[in-house]
Amino acid sequence: MNIIISLSVVVGFIYLGLCTKNMLKERVLFFEELERFLNEFKVNVSFAQMGLSDFINNFNSKSSDLTILLNRFTNLTKNQNEEKGFSVIKSEEVDLVKEFLFSIGKTDATNQLQEIEVFKTKISSLLNSERKTYSKYAGLSVKLSLMLGVMVVILLL
């Protein structure tokens, strides 16, 4: 019976570590998808010149937070100021993306391309920092949770 309880405690702690690792991975995925969105939108502005809301409706993202954010932008009548429902991004990052999306379309194509490039450099720096954070802490969280689980089992025995 003690073995089953001990294994359950260790598995529970490992699960917490894996959840932390997954959260860090989702943050990286959000910024990668946002960067892909910017690259595709830059091509759109240069060549296709589709409207922003049409482009957003045709864009398929692997990040659920980016999909929610883009859908809320296109549906301005509902949830305009609501910032709940995002699993991994911070409110400052939401505000940064909203500010960019609201600024697009107010100038000619050349200035829009410059705005996209400026925003892309901001996102690239955030993406690089999130990648470093993921590589540093993802494995650590699993290993640390395993060690904590074993320590709790030792203390309980």
Protein backbone atom coordinates (compact mmCIF):
# COMPACT_ATOMS: atom_id res chain seq x y z
CA MET A 1 0.00 0.00 0.00
CA ASN A 2 2.87 2.35 0.83
CA ILE A 3 4.39 1.69 -2.59
CA ILE A 4 1.19 2.69 -4.38
CA ILE A 5 0.88 5.89 -2.35
CA SER A 6 4.56 6.67 -2.89
CA LEU A 7 4.28 6.16 -6.64
CA SER A 8 1.13 8.30 -6.74
CA VAL A 9 2.90 11.16 -4.97
CA VAL A 10 5.92 10.98 -7.29
CA VAL A 11 3.72 10.78 -10.40
CA GLY A 12 1.68 13.75 -9.15
CA PHE A 13 4.79 15.88 -8.73
CA ILE A 14 6.11 14.81 -12.14
CA TYR A 15 2.76 15.83 -13.64
CA LEU A 16 3.15 19.31 -12.13
CA GLY A 17 6.62 19.57 -13.65
CA LEU A 18 5.31 18.50 -17.05
CA CYS A 19 2.52 21.09 -16.82
CA THR A 20 5.11 23.78 -16.17
CA LYS A 21 7.17 22.55 -19.11
CA ASN A 22 4.08 22.60 -21.33
CA MET A 23 3.25 26.17 -20.27
CA LEU A 24 6.74 27.31 -21.25
CA LYS A 25 6.42 25.49 -24.57
CA GLU A 26 3.05 27.17 -25.24
CA ARG A 27 4.63 30.60 -24.70
CA VAL A 28 7.31 29.81 -27.27
CA LEU A 29 4.64 28.52 -29.66
CA PHE A 30 2.61 31.73 -29.24
CA PHE A 31 5.53 33.93 -30.25
CA GLU A 32 6.54 31.61 -33.10
CA GLU A 33 3.01 31.72 -34.47
CA LEU A 34 2.85 35.49 -34.03
CA GLU A 35 6.08 35.79 -35.98
CA ARG A 36 4.65 33.55 -38.71
CA PHE A 37 1.51 35.72 -38.75
CA LEU A 38 3.65 38.82 -39.24
CA ASN A 39 5.63 37.23 -42.07
CA GLU A 40 2.50 36.11 -43.87
CA PHE A 41 0.79 39.46 -43.30
CA LYS A 42 3.84 41.26 -44.67
CA VAL A 43 3.55 39.21 -47.87
CA ASN A 44 -0.17 39.99 -47.90
CA VAL A 45 0.44 43.74 -47.64
CA SER A 46 3.09 43.57 -50.34
CA PHE A 47 1.20 41.48 -52.88
CA ALA A 48 -2.35 40.30 -52.13
CA GLN A 49 -3.48 43.39 -50.19
CA MET A 50 -6.30 41.54 -48.46
CA GLY A 51 -7.95 43.40 -45.57
CA LEU A 52 -6.70 42.68 -42.06
CA SER A 53 -9.93 41.08 -40.81
CA ASP A 54 -10.15 38.89 -43.94
CA PHE A 55 -6.53 37.89 -43.48
CA ILE A 56 -7.12 37.05 -39.80
CA ASN A 57 -10.15 34.93 -40.70
CA ASN A 58 -8.05 32.95 -43.20
CA PHE A 59 -5.05 32.55 -40.87
CA ASN A 60 -4.73 29.18 -39.10
CA SER A 61 -2.66 29.23 -35.94
CA LYS A 62 -1.33 26.36 -33.84
CA SER A 63 -1.43 28.60 -30.74
CA SER A 64 -4.81 28.75 -29.04
CA ASP A 65 -3.97 32.08 -27.36
CA LEU A 66 -3.10 33.71 -30.68
CA THR A 67 -6.32 32.39 -32.22
CA ILE A 68 -8.35 33.81 -29.31
CA LEU A 69 -6.58 37.16 -29.53
CA LEU A 70 -7.06 37.48 -33.29
CA ASN A 71 -10.71 36.41 -33.09
CA ARG A 72 -11.37 38.98 -30.37
CA PHE A 73 -9.78 41.63 -32.55
CA THR A 74 -12.08 40.82 -35.46
CA ASN A 75 -15.16 40.75 -33.18
CA LEU A 76 -14.75 44.18 -31.61
CA THR A 77 -18.36 44.36 -30.46
CA LYS A 78 -17.91 41.42 -28.10
CA ASN A 79 -15.19 41.13 -25.43
CA GLN A 80 -13.41 44.28 -26.53
CA ASN A 81 -11.68 44.93 -23.23
CA GLU A 82 -11.76 41.41 -21.88
CA GLU A 83 -8.30 39.97 -21.35
CA LYS A 84 -9.34 36.73 -19.68
CA GLY A 85 -9.16 33.37 -21.37
CA PHE A 86 -5.48 33.44 -22.28
CA SER A 87 -3.56 30.53 -20.85
CA VAL A 88 0.05 31.60 -21.23
CA ILE A 89 0.39 35.20 -22.40
CA LYS A 90 0.54 38.20 -20.12
CA SER A 91 -1.70 41.25 -20.30
CA GLU A 92 1.27 43.43 -21.38
CA GLU A 93 1.82 41.14 -24.36
CA VAL A 94 -1.88 41.25 -25.21
CA ASP A 95 -1.76 45.05 -25.11
CA LEU A 96 1.32 45.07 -27.33
CA VAL A 97 -0.36 42.93 -29.98
CA LYS A 98 -3.62 44.90 -29.78
CA GLU A 99 -1.75 48.16 -30.20
CA PHE A 100 -0.06 46.80 -33.32
CA LEU A 101 -3.29 45.44 -34.80
CA PHE A 102 -5.09 48.74 -34.24
CA SER A 103 -2.26 50.68 -35.90
CA ILE A 104 -2.28 48.57 -39.07
CA GLY A 105 -4.30 49.89 -41.99
CA LYS A 106 -4.10 53.55 -41.07
CA THR A 107 -1.28 54.37 -43.49
CA ASP A 108 -0.11 53.37 -46.95
CA ALA A 109 1.51 50.02 -47.74
CA THR A 110 5.09 51.27 -47.36
CA ASN A 111 4.52 52.58 -43.86
CA GLN A 112 2.62 49.42 -42.94
CA LEU A 113 5.61 47.34 -44.00
CA GLN A 114 7.84 49.50 -41.81
CA GLU A 115 5.45 49.09 -38.86
CA ILE A 116 5.44 45.33 -39.39
CA GLU A 117 9.25 45.26 -39.38
CA VAL A 118 9.46 47.30 -36.18
CA PHE A 119 6.91 45.07 -34.46
CA LYS A 120 8.63 41.97 -35.82
CA THR A 121 11.91 42.98 -34.14
CA LYS A 122 10.06 43.34 -30.81
CA ILE A 123 8.46 39.93 -31.23
CA SER A 124 11.77 38.35 -32.30
CA SER A 125 13.45 39.57 -29.12
CA LEU A 126 10.55 38.24 -27.02
CA LEU A 127 10.72 34.94 -28.90
CA ASN A 128 14.46 34.61 -28.28
CA SER A 129 14.05 35.30 -24.57
CA GLU A 130 11.20 32.77 -24.34
CA ARG A 131 13.30 30.15 -26.15
CA LYS A 132 16.13 30.73 -23.67
CA THR A 133 13.69 30.48 -20.77
CA TYR A 134 12.27 27.25 -22.18
CA SER A 135 15.67 25.66 -22.72
CA LYS A 136 16.77 26.70 -19.25
CA TYR A 137 13.70 25.85 -17.17
CA ALA A 138 11.69 23.19 -19.03
CA GLY A 139 13.90 20.24 -18.17
CA LEU A 140 14.67 21.73 -14.78
CA SER A 141 11.00 21.84 -13.81
CA VAL A 142 10.52 18.13 -14.52
CA LYS A 143 13.71 17.12 -12.70
CA LEU A 144 12.96 19.36 -9.75
CA SER A 145 9.42 18.06 -9.45
CA LEU A 146 10.74 14.49 -9.51
CA MET A 147 13.18 15.34 -6.72
CA LEU A 148 10.43 17.04 -4.69
CA GLY A 149 8.17 14.03 -5.13
CA VAL A 150 10.90 11.66 -3.92
CA MET A 151 11.64 13.95 -0.95
CA VAL A 152 7.98 14.04 0.05
CA VAL A 153 7.82 10.23 -0.16
CA ILE A 154 10.96 9.95 2.01
CA LEU A 155 9.48 12.33 4.56
CA LEU A 156 6.20 10.41 4.64
CA LEU A 157 7.93 7.07 5.18
